[in-house]
Amino acid sequence: MQFLLIILSAITILFLPGFVVSQIFFRRKKIEILERFALSFALSITLVPLLVFYTNLLGIRISRVSVMLNVLEILLISILILLLQNWRNEK
């Protein structure tokens, strides 16, 4: 059970935020799958620690919950931007 939790946490922290952000900047057909995977990994490794660092400067202690909330913030804001972009393109 703990192994599954580690795998899901790693995917959530190391891949998903960068993947959603890469969808904002590069549409589906503009880059290859391997490039998107590498870019997603690099963006996640960059975005998550920066956001955790800045929330720590605001006085919020670093914990599992605060890191997961930061990742959820990245995901929700990025998904909202994607939805707005798609809505604009449909008009």
C-alpha atoms as a PDB file:
ATOM      1  CA  MET A   1       0.000   0.000   0.000  1.00  0.00           C
ATOM      2  CA  GLN A   2       2.788   2.418   0.850  1.00  0.00           C
ATOM      3  CA  PHE A   3       4.510   1.646  -2.467  1.00  0.00           C
ATOM      4  CA  LEU A   4       1.370   2.675  -4.346  1.00  0.00           C
ATOM      5  CA  LEU A   5       1.183   5.887  -2.325  1.00  0.00           C
ATOM      6  CA  ILE A   6       4.805   6.711  -3.188  1.00  0.00           C
ATOM      7  CA  ILE A   7       4.234   6.086  -6.901  1.00  0.00           C
ATOM      8  CA  LEU A   8       1.065   8.202  -7.001  1.00  0.00           C
ATOM      9  CA  SER A   9       2.741  11.010  -5.045  1.00  0.00           C
ATOM     10  CA  ALA A  10       5.739  10.996  -7.359  1.00  0.00           C
ATOM     11  CA  ILE A  11       3.528  11.205 -10.435  1.00  0.00           C
ATOM     12  CA  THR A  12       1.443  13.961  -8.862  1.00  0.00           C
ATOM     13  CA  ILE A  13       4.431  16.060  -7.819  1.00  0.00           C
ATOM     14  CA  LEU A  14       6.967  15.295 -10.560  1.00  0.00           C
ATOM     15  CA  PHE A  15       4.795  15.058 -13.655  1.00  0.00           C
ATOM     16  CA  LEU A  16       1.251  16.439 -13.522  1.00  0.00           C
ATOM     17  CA  PRO A  17       1.924  20.148 -12.832  1.00  0.00           C
ATOM     18  CA  GLY A  18       4.448  20.357 -15.653  1.00  0.00           C
ATOM     19  CA  PHE A  19       2.199  18.411 -18.008  1.00  0.00           C
ATOM     20  CA  VAL A  20      -0.721  20.762 -17.511  1.00  0.00           C
ATOM     21  CA  VAL A  21       1.521  23.829 -17.848  1.00  0.00           C
ATOM     22  CA  SER A  22       3.066  22.399 -21.021  1.00  0.00           C
ATOM     23  CA  GLN A  23      -0.460  22.036 -22.425  1.00  0.00           C
ATOM     24  CA  ILE A  24      -0.907  25.784 -21.960  1.00  0.00           C
ATOM     25  CA  PHE A  25       2.225  26.761 -23.872  1.00  0.00           C
ATOM     26  CA  PHE A  26       2.343  23.975 -26.457  1.00  0.00           C
ATOM     27  CA  ARG A  27      -0.791  22.660 -28.048  1.00  0.00           C
ATOM     28  CA  ARG A  28      -1.294  18.936 -28.519  1.00  0.00           C
ATOM     29  CA  LYS A  29       0.245  18.575 -31.961  1.00  0.00           C
ATOM     30  CA  LYS A  30       3.145  21.033 -31.656  1.00  0.00           C
ATOM     31  CA  ILE A  31       5.617  18.818 -29.786  1.00  0.00           C
ATOM     32  CA  GLU A  32       6.279  15.085 -29.648  1.00  0.00           C
ATOM     33  CA  ILE A  33       5.281  12.836 -26.761  1.00  0.00           C
ATOM     34  CA  LEU A  34       8.848  12.332 -25.524  1.00  0.00           C
ATOM     35  CA  GLU A  35       9.505  16.075 -25.639  1.00  0.00           C
ATOM     36  CA  ARG A  36       6.308  16.748 -23.710  1.00  0.00           C
ATOM     37  CA  PHE A  37       7.253  14.127 -21.106  1.00  0.00           C
ATOM     38  CA  ALA A  38      10.722  15.660 -20.605  1.00  0.00           C
ATOM     39  CA  LEU A  39       9.311  19.184 -20.534  1.00  0.00           C
ATOM     40  CA  SER A  40       6.627  18.146 -18.044  1.00  0.00           C
ATOM     41  CA  PHE A  41       9.222  16.645 -15.747  1.00  0.00           C
ATOM     42  CA  ALA A  42      11.479  19.722 -15.988  1.00  0.00           C
ATOM     43  CA  LEU A  43       8.611  22.174 -15.436  1.00  0.00           C
ATOM     44  CA  SER A  44       7.354  20.237 -12.429  1.00  0.00           C
ATOM     45  CA  ILE A  45      10.805  20.108 -10.879  1.00  0.00           C
ATOM     46  CA  THR A  46      11.014  23.877 -11.355  1.00  0.00           C
ATOM     47  CA  LEU A  47       7.507  25.008 -10.416  1.00  0.00           C
ATOM     48  CA  VAL A  48       6.782  22.945  -7.319  1.00  0.00           C
ATOM     49  CA  PRO A  49       9.929  23.842  -5.315  1.00  0.00           C
ATOM     50  CA  LEU A  50       9.622  27.519  -6.267  1.00  0.00           C
ATOM     51  CA  LEU A  51       6.036  27.675  -5.082  1.00  0.00           C
ATOM     52  CA  VAL A  52       6.906  25.807  -1.880  1.00  0.00           C
ATOM     53  CA  PHE A  53       9.805  28.203  -1.297  1.00  0.00           C
ATOM     54  CA  TYR A  54       7.636  31.282  -1.714  1.00  0.00           C
ATOM     55  CA  THR A  55       4.850  29.941   0.473  1.00  0.00           C
ATOM     56  CA  ASN A  56       7.489  29.211   3.121  1.00  0.00           C
ATOM     57  CA  LEU A  57       8.588  32.849   2.883  1.00  0.00           C
ATOM     58  CA  LEU A  58       4.979  33.806   3.605  1.00  0.00           C
ATOM     59  CA  GLY A  59       5.211  31.894   6.869  1.00  0.00           C
ATOM     60  CA  ILE A  60       3.465  28.672   5.869  1.00  0.00           C
ATOM     61  CA  ARG A  61       5.403  25.687   7.175  1.00  0.00           C
ATOM     62  CA  ILE A  62       6.537  23.033   4.716  1.00  0.00           C
ATOM     63  CA  SER A  63       4.626  19.801   5.241  1.00  0.00           C
ATOM     64  CA  ARG A  64       3.008  17.123   3.125  1.00  0.00           C
ATOM     65  CA  VAL A  65      -0.280  18.944   3.227  1.00  0.00           C
ATOM     66  CA  SER A  66       1.172  22.309   2.218  1.00  0.00           C
ATOM     67  CA  VAL A  67       3.127  20.771  -0.666  1.00  0.00           C
ATOM     68  CA  MET A  68       0.067  18.909  -1.937  1.00  0.00           C
ATOM     69  CA  LEU A  69      -2.004  22.099  -1.658  1.00  0.00           C
ATOM     70  CA  ASN A  70       0.650  23.941  -3.672  1.00  0.00           C
ATOM     71  CA  VAL A  71       0.546  21.235  -6.347  1.00  0.00           C
ATOM     72  CA  LEU A  72      -3.246  21.429  -6.404  1.00  0.00           C
ATOM     73  CA  GLU A  73      -3.027  25.219  -6.795  1.00  0.00           C
ATOM     74  CA  ILE A  74      -0.742  24.805  -9.811  1.00  0.00           C
ATOM     75  CA  LEU A  75      -3.055  22.204 -11.311  1.00  0.00           C
ATOM     76  CA  LEU A  76      -6.273  24.129 -10.734  1.00  0.00           C
ATOM     77  CA  ILE A  77      -4.942  27.437 -12.036  1.00  0.00           C
ATOM     78  CA  SER A  78      -3.405  25.757 -15.078  1.00  0.00           C
ATOM     79  CA  ILE A  79      -6.581  23.815 -15.846  1.00  0.00           C
ATOM     80  CA  LEU A  80      -8.605  27.018 -15.522  1.00  0.00           C
ATOM     81  CA  ILE A  81      -6.283  28.752 -17.996  1.00  0.00           C
ATOM     82  CA  LEU A  82      -6.602  25.787 -20.383  1.00  0.00           C
ATOM     83  CA  LEU A  83     -10.382  25.916 -20.177  1.00  0.00           C
ATOM     84  CA  LEU A  84     -10.358  29.657 -20.868  1.00  0.00           C
ATOM     85  CA  GLN A  85      -8.082  29.142 -23.866  1.00  0.00           C
ATOM     86  CA  ASN A  86     -10.352  26.429 -25.256  1.00  0.00           C
ATOM     87  CA  TRP A  87     -13.417  28.580 -24.666  1.00  0.00           C
ATOM     88  CA  ARG A  88     -11.795  31.482 -26.534  1.00  0.00           C
ATOM     89  CA  ASN A  89     -10.819  29.241 -29.456  1.00  0.00           C
ATOM     90  CA  GLU A  90     -14.375  27.955 -29.813  1.00  0.00           C
ATOM     91  CA  LYS A  91     -15.763  31.468 -30.283  1.00  0.00           C
END
